[in-house]
Amino acid sequence: MPVAFVNEVVSDADIDAYGLPFEKGKGHWWTRDKERDLYLWGGRGGNPLWDQEIRGRFYFFISGVIIQLVISLGKWSDDWHARPYIVDWGRIISMDPQGCADFSKEQLIDLIKEALVAYGRDGRENRNTPDRIVRFGF
């Protein structure tokens, strides 16, 4: 089954339609499955200098519900030139809300994983890491 999620620049029309907190025309990216009306946006954030652990912080839209996710990082490749490049998501630290009425928790997790595989390293074109393996601890 081909991956239906793609990384693309969010259109101004989609910013309006979904009420996204992006400034129009600024080239914000998301990982989207247009056919199933799903999207993921966010990325890694945190500053170790301020004792903040770097984590994945995402918003996942499914069936009209926005699920906020915080995901720990596992062991990622240190060098962009590594072939294959390893993207390792550790565990889901928080998920709010915990589910969606239309999907079981397992189905929801499978869709989140599918989106993160397409997201790759950075949710953009992944030019520096085209040959990659995405792993999950959840």
N, C-alpha and C. Protein backbone atom coordinates (compact mmCIF):
# COMPACT_ATOMS: atom_id res chain seq x y z
N MET A 1 0.85 -1.19 0.00
CA MET A 1 0.00 0.00 0.00
C MET A 1 0.89 1.24 0.00
N PRO A 2 0.73 2.14 -0.96
CA PRO A 2 1.55 3.34 -0.99
C PRO A 2 1.22 4.27 0.18
N VAL A 3 2.22 4.99 0.62
CA VAL A 3 2.01 5.95 1.70
C VAL A 3 1.20 7.12 1.15
N ALA A 4 0.08 7.41 1.78
CA ALA A 4 -0.79 8.47 1.31
C ALA A 4 -0.39 9.84 1.86
N PHE A 5 0.37 9.86 2.94
CA PHE A 5 0.81 11.13 3.50
C PHE A 5 1.94 11.70 2.66
N VAL A 6 1.91 13.01 2.46
CA VAL A 6 2.98 13.72 1.78
C VAL A 6 3.31 14.98 2.56
N ASN A 7 4.56 15.39 2.47
CA ASN A 7 4.99 16.65 3.07
C ASN A 7 4.81 17.73 2.02
N GLU A 8 4.12 18.80 2.39
CA GLU A 8 3.86 19.87 1.45
C GLU A 8 3.70 21.19 2.19
N VAL A 9 3.81 22.26 1.43
CA VAL A 9 3.59 23.60 2.00
C VAL A 9 2.08 23.78 2.14
N VAL A 10 1.67 24.28 3.28
CA VAL A 10 0.25 24.52 3.56
C VAL A 10 -0.23 25.70 2.72
N SER A 11 -1.33 25.51 2.01
CA SER A 11 -1.89 26.60 1.21
C SER A 11 -2.62 27.59 2.11
N ASP A 12 -2.75 28.81 1.63
CA ASP A 12 -3.51 29.82 2.37
C ASP A 12 -4.96 29.37 2.56
N ALA A 13 -5.52 28.69 1.56
CA ALA A 13 -6.90 28.19 1.67
C ALA A 13 -7.00 27.17 2.81
N ASP A 14 -6.00 26.30 2.96
CA ASP A 14 -6.02 25.31 4.04
C ASP A 14 -5.80 25.96 5.40
N ILE A 15 -4.99 27.01 5.45
CA ILE A 15 -4.82 27.76 6.70
C ILE A 15 -6.18 28.27 7.17
N ASP A 16 -6.96 28.82 6.23
CA ASP A 16 -8.31 29.32 6.56
C ASP A 16 -9.26 28.16 6.91
N ALA A 17 -9.26 27.12 6.08
CA ALA A 17 -10.22 26.02 6.25
C ALA A 17 -10.04 25.30 7.59
N TYR A 18 -8.79 25.13 8.03
CA TYR A 18 -8.52 24.38 9.26
C TYR A 18 -8.22 25.29 10.46
N GLY A 19 -8.22 26.60 10.24
CA GLY A 19 -7.93 27.52 11.34
C GLY A 19 -6.52 27.35 11.89
N LEU A 20 -5.56 27.10 11.00
CA LEU A 20 -4.18 26.86 11.44
C LEU A 20 -3.51 28.15 11.89
N PRO A 21 -2.61 28.05 12.86
CA PRO A 21 -1.97 29.25 13.41
C PRO A 21 -0.74 29.68 12.61
N PHE A 22 -0.83 29.65 11.29
CA PHE A 22 0.28 30.01 10.42
C PHE A 22 0.00 31.34 9.74
N GLU A 23 1.06 32.10 9.52
CA GLU A 23 0.93 33.33 8.74
C GLU A 23 0.87 32.93 7.26
N LYS A 24 -0.07 33.47 6.56
CA LYS A 24 -0.25 33.13 5.15
C LYS A 24 0.96 33.56 4.33
N GLY A 25 1.27 32.73 3.33
CA GLY A 25 2.36 33.04 2.41
C GLY A 25 3.75 32.84 2.96
N LYS A 26 3.89 32.23 4.13
CA LYS A 26 5.20 32.06 4.76
C LYS A 26 5.81 30.68 4.53
N GLY A 27 5.13 29.82 3.82
CA GLY A 27 5.71 28.52 3.47
C GLY A 27 5.81 27.52 4.60
N HIS A 28 4.81 27.48 5.48
CA HIS A 28 4.80 26.47 6.54
C HIS A 28 4.49 25.10 5.94
N TRP A 29 5.12 24.07 6.51
CA TRP A 29 4.96 22.71 6.02
C TRP A 29 4.07 21.89 6.94
N TRP A 30 3.42 20.91 6.35
CA TRP A 30 2.69 19.91 7.11
C TRP A 30 2.80 18.58 6.38
N THR A 31 2.42 17.53 7.06
CA THR A 31 2.38 16.19 6.48
C THR A 31 0.90 15.85 6.37
N ARG A 32 0.44 15.66 5.14
CA ARG A 32 -1.00 15.60 4.91
C ARG A 32 -1.41 14.40 4.07
N ASP A 33 -2.56 13.84 4.43
CA ASP A 33 -3.23 12.85 3.61
C ASP A 33 -4.55 13.51 3.20
N LYS A 34 -4.54 14.11 2.04
CA LYS A 34 -5.70 14.87 1.58
C LYS A 34 -6.93 13.98 1.40
N GLU A 35 -6.71 12.78 0.86
CA GLU A 35 -7.84 11.88 0.58
C GLU A 35 -8.59 11.48 1.85
N ARG A 36 -7.86 11.21 2.93
CA ARG A 36 -8.50 10.80 4.19
C ARG A 36 -8.71 11.97 5.15
N ASP A 37 -8.36 13.19 4.73
CA ASP A 37 -8.52 14.40 5.53
C ASP A 37 -7.81 14.27 6.88
N LEU A 38 -6.50 13.97 6.81
CA LEU A 38 -5.65 13.84 7.99
C LEU A 38 -4.45 14.76 7.81
N TYR A 39 -3.96 15.32 8.90
CA TYR A 39 -2.70 16.05 8.80
C TYR A 39 -1.94 15.99 10.11
N LEU A 40 -0.64 16.22 9.98
CA LEU A 40 0.28 16.28 11.12
C LEU A 40 1.16 17.50 10.90
N TRP A 41 1.34 18.29 11.94
CA TRP A 41 2.34 19.36 11.86
C TRP A 41 3.00 19.51 13.22
N GLY A 42 4.18 20.04 13.19
CA GLY A 42 4.96 20.22 14.40
C GLY A 42 6.39 19.80 14.13
N GLY A 43 7.07 19.32 15.16
CA GLY A 43 8.45 18.88 14.98
C GLY A 43 9.16 18.77 16.31
N ARG A 44 10.47 18.63 16.22
CA ARG A 44 11.28 18.52 17.43
C ARG A 44 11.48 19.90 18.03
N GLY A 45 11.44 19.95 19.36
CA GLY A 45 11.66 21.21 20.05
C GLY A 45 12.15 20.98 21.46
N GLY A 46 12.72 22.02 22.04
CA GLY A 46 13.27 21.95 23.38
C GLY A 46 14.69 22.49 23.37
N ASN A 47 15.15 22.97 24.49
CA ASN A 47 16.48 23.54 24.58
C ASN A 47 17.21 22.97 25.78
N PRO A 48 18.19 22.09 25.55
CA PRO A 48 18.93 21.50 26.66
C PRO A 48 19.64 22.54 27.54
N LEU A 49 19.97 23.70 26.98
CA LEU A 49 20.61 24.75 27.78
C LEU A 49 19.70 25.25 28.89
N TRP A 50 18.40 25.10 28.71
CA TRP A 50 17.43 25.50 29.73
C TRP A 50 16.82 24.28 30.40
N ASP A 51 17.55 23.17 30.39
CA ASP A 51 17.11 21.91 30.98
C ASP A 51 15.81 21.39 30.36
N GLN A 52 15.62 21.68 29.09
CA GLN A 52 14.46 21.16 28.37
C GLN A 52 14.92 20.00 27.49
N GLU A 53 14.26 18.88 27.64
CA GLU A 53 14.57 17.73 26.80
C GLU A 53 14.01 17.96 25.39
N ILE A 54 14.76 17.60 24.39
CA ILE A 54 14.27 17.72 23.02
C ILE A 54 13.27 16.59 22.79
N ARG A 55 12.10 16.97 22.34
CA ARG A 55 11.01 16.02 22.11
C ARG A 55 10.28 16.39 20.83
N GLY A 56 9.55 15.42 20.30
CA GLY A 56 8.66 15.70 19.18
C GLY A 56 7.35 16.26 19.74
N ARG A 57 6.95 17.39 19.22
CA ARG A 57 5.68 18.02 19.63
C ARG A 57 4.86 18.23 18.36
N PHE A 58 3.72 17.53 18.31
CA PHE A 58 2.93 17.50 17.09
C PHE A 58 1.45 17.73 17.37
N TYR A 59 0.78 18.12 16.29
CA TYR A 59 -0.68 18.19 16.25
C TYR A 59 -1.11 17.25 15.12
N PHE A 60 -2.03 16.34 15.45
CA PHE A 60 -2.53 15.37 14.48
C PHE A 60 -4.03 15.57 14.36
N PHE A 61 -4.49 15.87 13.14
CA PHE A 61 -5.91 16.12 12.87
C PHE A 61 -6.55 14.88 12.29
N ILE A 62 -7.63 14.42 12.93
CA ILE A 62 -8.35 13.23 12.48
C ILE A 62 -9.82 13.37 12.86
N SER A 63 -10.70 13.17 11.91
CA SER A 63 -12.15 13.22 12.13
C SER A 63 -12.59 14.48 12.89
N GLY A 64 -12.02 15.61 12.51
CA GLY A 64 -12.40 16.88 13.13
C GLY A 64 -11.80 17.12 14.51
N VAL A 65 -10.95 16.21 14.98
CA VAL A 65 -10.33 16.32 16.30
C VAL A 65 -8.84 16.60 16.13
N ILE A 66 -8.32 17.53 16.91
CA ILE A 66 -6.88 17.79 16.92
C ILE A 66 -6.29 17.13 18.16
N ILE A 67 -5.39 16.20 17.93
CA ILE A 67 -4.74 15.49 19.02
C ILE A 67 -3.33 16.07 19.19
N GLN A 68 -3.03 16.52 20.40
CA GLN A 68 -1.71 17.05 20.71
C GLN A 68 -0.84 15.91 21.22
N LEU A 69 0.34 15.78 20.62
CA LEU A 69 1.26 14.69 20.95
C LEU A 69 2.60 15.23 21.42
N VAL A 70 3.16 14.57 22.41
CA VAL A 70 4.55 14.78 22.80
C VAL A 70 5.20 13.40 22.76
N ILE A 71 6.29 13.29 22.00
CA ILE A 71 6.94 12.00 21.78
C ILE A 71 8.42 12.13 22.12
N SER A 72 8.93 11.19 22.90
CA SER A 72 10.36 11.20 23.23
C SER A 72 11.17 10.75 22.01
N LEU A 73 12.43 11.17 21.99
CA LEU A 73 13.33 10.77 20.92
C LEU A 73 14.13 9.57 21.36
N GLY A 74 14.30 8.64 20.46
CA GLY A 74 15.21 7.53 20.69
C GLY A 74 16.58 7.92 20.15
N LYS A 75 17.30 6.97 19.62
CA LYS A 75 18.64 7.23 19.09
C LYS A 75 18.55 7.54 17.60
N TRP A 76 18.77 8.80 17.24
CA TRP A 76 18.77 9.24 15.85
C TRP A 76 20.20 9.22 15.32
N SER A 77 20.34 9.10 14.02
CA SER A 77 21.66 9.21 13.41
C SER A 77 22.24 10.59 13.72
N ASP A 78 23.54 10.63 13.99
CA ASP A 78 24.21 11.90 14.29
C ASP A 78 24.61 12.66 13.04
N ASP A 79 24.77 11.96 11.93
CA ASP A 79 25.30 12.54 10.71
C ASP A 79 24.24 12.47 9.60
N TRP A 80 23.94 13.60 8.99
CA TRP A 80 22.97 13.63 7.90
C TRP A 80 23.36 12.74 6.74
N HIS A 81 24.64 12.44 6.63
CA HIS A 81 25.12 11.64 5.50
C HIS A 81 25.01 10.14 5.76
N ALA A 82 24.56 9.75 6.94
CA ALA A 82 24.41 8.32 7.26
C ALA A 82 23.39 7.69 6.29
N ARG A 83 23.71 6.52 5.79
CA ARG A 83 22.82 5.80 4.89
C ARG A 83 22.65 4.37 5.41
N PRO A 84 21.47 3.99 5.86
CA PRO A 84 20.30 4.86 5.97
C PRO A 84 20.38 5.74 7.22
N TYR A 85 19.68 6.85 7.16
CA TYR A 85 19.56 7.75 8.29
C TYR A 85 18.49 7.16 9.21
N ILE A 86 18.75 7.13 10.52
CA ILE A 86 17.80 6.55 11.47
C ILE A 86 17.02 7.64 12.19
N VAL A 87 15.71 7.55 12.12
CA VAL A 87 14.79 8.40 12.89
C VAL A 87 14.11 7.46 13.87
N ASP A 88 14.32 7.68 15.16
CA ASP A 88 13.84 6.74 16.17
C ASP A 88 12.97 7.49 17.19
N TRP A 89 11.67 7.28 17.09
CA TRP A 89 10.74 7.88 18.04
C TRP A 89 10.60 6.92 19.22
N GLY A 90 10.86 7.42 20.43
CA GLY A 90 10.87 6.57 21.62
C GLY A 90 9.50 6.11 22.07
N ARG A 91 8.82 6.98 22.80
CA ARG A 91 7.50 6.63 23.31
C ARG A 91 6.62 7.87 23.31
N ILE A 92 5.32 7.65 23.33
CA ILE A 92 4.39 8.77 23.44
C ILE A 92 4.34 9.18 24.91
N ILE A 93 4.76 10.39 25.19
CA ILE A 93 4.76 10.92 26.55
C ILE A 93 3.36 11.42 26.91
N SER A 94 2.74 12.11 25.97
CA SER A 94 1.37 12.55 26.21
C SER A 94 0.61 12.61 24.89
N MET A 95 -0.69 12.37 25.00
CA MET A 95 -1.60 12.41 23.86
C MET A 95 -2.92 12.95 24.40
N ASP A 96 -3.31 14.13 23.89
CA ASP A 96 -4.51 14.78 24.40
C ASP A 96 -5.36 15.29 23.24
N PRO A 97 -6.59 14.79 23.09
CA PRO A 97 -7.23 13.74 23.87
C PRO A 97 -6.61 12.38 23.57
N GLN A 98 -6.98 11.41 24.37
CA GLN A 98 -6.41 10.07 24.26
C GLN A 98 -6.90 9.28 23.06
N GLY A 99 -7.93 9.76 22.40
CA GLY A 99 -8.45 9.02 21.27
C GLY A 99 -9.47 9.82 20.49
N CYS A 100 -10.11 9.12 19.59
CA CYS A 100 -11.11 9.71 18.71
C CYS A 100 -12.23 8.68 18.56
N ALA A 101 -13.45 9.10 18.67
CA ALA A 101 -14.59 8.17 18.68
C ALA A 101 -14.65 7.28 17.45
N ASP A 102 -14.17 7.77 16.31
CA ASP A 102 -14.27 7.00 15.07
C ASP A 102 -13.19 5.93 14.91
N PHE A 103 -12.17 5.96 15.78
CA PHE A 103 -11.03 5.06 15.62
C PHE A 103 -10.63 4.47 16.97
N SER A 104 -10.19 3.22 16.95
CA SER A 104 -9.64 2.63 18.18
C SER A 104 -8.28 3.28 18.44
N LYS A 105 -7.78 3.12 19.65
CA LYS A 105 -6.47 3.69 19.98
C LYS A 105 -5.40 3.07 19.09
N GLU A 106 -5.49 1.77 18.80
CA GLU A 106 -4.52 1.10 17.94
C GLU A 106 -4.56 1.67 16.52
N GLN A 107 -5.76 1.91 15.98
CA GLN A 107 -5.88 2.50 14.65
C GLN A 107 -5.29 3.90 14.63
N LEU A 108 -5.55 4.65 15.67
CA LEU A 108 -5.03 6.01 15.77
C LEU A 108 -3.50 6.00 15.80
N ILE A 109 -2.92 5.13 16.61
CA ILE A 109 -1.46 5.02 16.70
C ILE A 109 -0.88 4.61 15.35
N ASP A 110 -1.54 3.68 14.65
CA ASP A 110 -1.06 3.27 13.33
C ASP A 110 -1.06 4.45 12.35
N LEU A 111 -2.09 5.29 12.39
CA LEU A 111 -2.14 6.46 11.51
C LEU A 111 -1.07 7.48 11.87
N ILE A 112 -0.83 7.67 13.16
CA ILE A 112 0.23 8.59 13.59
C ILE A 112 1.59 8.08 13.10
N LYS A 113 1.83 6.79 13.22
CA LYS A 113 3.09 6.20 12.72
C LYS A 113 3.22 6.40 11.21
N GLU A 114 2.13 6.18 10.50
CA GLU A 114 2.14 6.36 9.05
C GLU A 114 2.53 7.79 8.69
N ALA A 115 1.95 8.75 9.41
CA ALA A 115 2.27 10.16 9.16
C ALA A 115 3.73 10.45 9.50
N LEU A 116 4.24 9.90 10.60
CA LEU A 116 5.62 10.14 11.00
C LEU A 116 6.63 9.50 10.04
N VAL A 117 6.27 8.40 9.41
CA VAL A 117 7.15 7.81 8.40
C VAL A 117 7.30 8.78 7.23
N ALA A 118 6.18 9.36 6.78
CA ALA A 118 6.25 10.35 5.70
C ALA A 118 6.96 11.62 6.17
N TYR A 119 6.73 12.02 7.42
CA TYR A 119 7.36 13.21 7.99
C TYR A 119 8.88 13.08 7.93
N GLY A 120 9.37 11.88 8.18
CA GLY A 120 10.81 11.63 8.10
C GLY A 120 11.59 12.36 9.17
N ARG A 121 12.65 13.03 8.77
CA ARG A 121 13.50 13.75 9.71
C ARG A 121 12.95 15.13 10.06
N ASP A 122 12.36 15.80 9.05
CA ASP A 122 12.02 17.20 9.27
C ASP A 122 10.66 17.64 8.73
N GLY A 123 9.89 16.74 8.16
CA GLY A 123 8.56 17.11 7.67
C GLY A 123 8.58 17.99 6.44
N ARG A 124 9.71 18.07 5.80
CA ARG A 124 9.82 18.86 4.58
C ARG A 124 10.18 17.92 3.43
N GLU A 125 11.14 18.31 2.63
CA GLU A 125 11.51 17.49 1.49
C GLU A 125 12.46 16.35 1.86
N ASN A 126 13.03 16.40 3.06
CA ASN A 126 13.98 15.38 3.52
C ASN A 126 15.11 15.17 2.52
N ARG A 127 15.56 16.26 1.89
CA ARG A 127 16.63 16.18 0.89
C ARG A 127 17.91 15.59 1.46
N ASN A 128 18.22 15.93 2.71
CA ASN A 128 19.47 15.46 3.31
C ASN A 128 19.38 14.02 3.81
N THR A 129 18.16 13.50 3.94
CA THR A 129 17.99 12.15 4.47
C THR A 129 16.97 11.35 3.63
N PRO A 130 17.23 11.21 2.33
CA PRO A 130 16.25 10.50 1.49
C PRO A 130 16.20 9.01 1.79
N ASP A 131 17.32 8.44 2.18
CA ASP A 131 17.39 7.02 2.53
C ASP A 131 17.35 6.91 4.03
N ARG A 132 16.15 6.61 4.57
CA ARG A 132 15.99 6.63 6.03
C ARG A 132 15.12 5.48 6.50
N ILE A 133 15.31 5.17 7.76
CA ILE A 133 14.48 4.19 8.45
C ILE A 133 13.84 4.91 9.63
N VAL A 134 12.53 4.79 9.74
CA VAL A 134 11.81 5.39 10.86
C VAL A 134 11.36 4.26 11.78
N ARG A 135 11.79 4.34 13.04
CA ARG A 135 11.46 3.31 14.03
C ARG A 135 10.61 3.91 15.15
N PHE A 136 9.91 3.02 15.83
CA PHE A 136 9.00 3.43 16.90
C PHE A 136 9.18 2.56 18.13
N GLY A 137 9.17 3.18 19.30
CA GLY A 137 9.17 2.46 20.56
C GLY A 137 7.77 2.35 21.14
N PHE A 138 6.78 2.68 20.33
CA PHE A 138 5.38 2.61 20.80
C PHE A 138 4.53 1.89 19.78
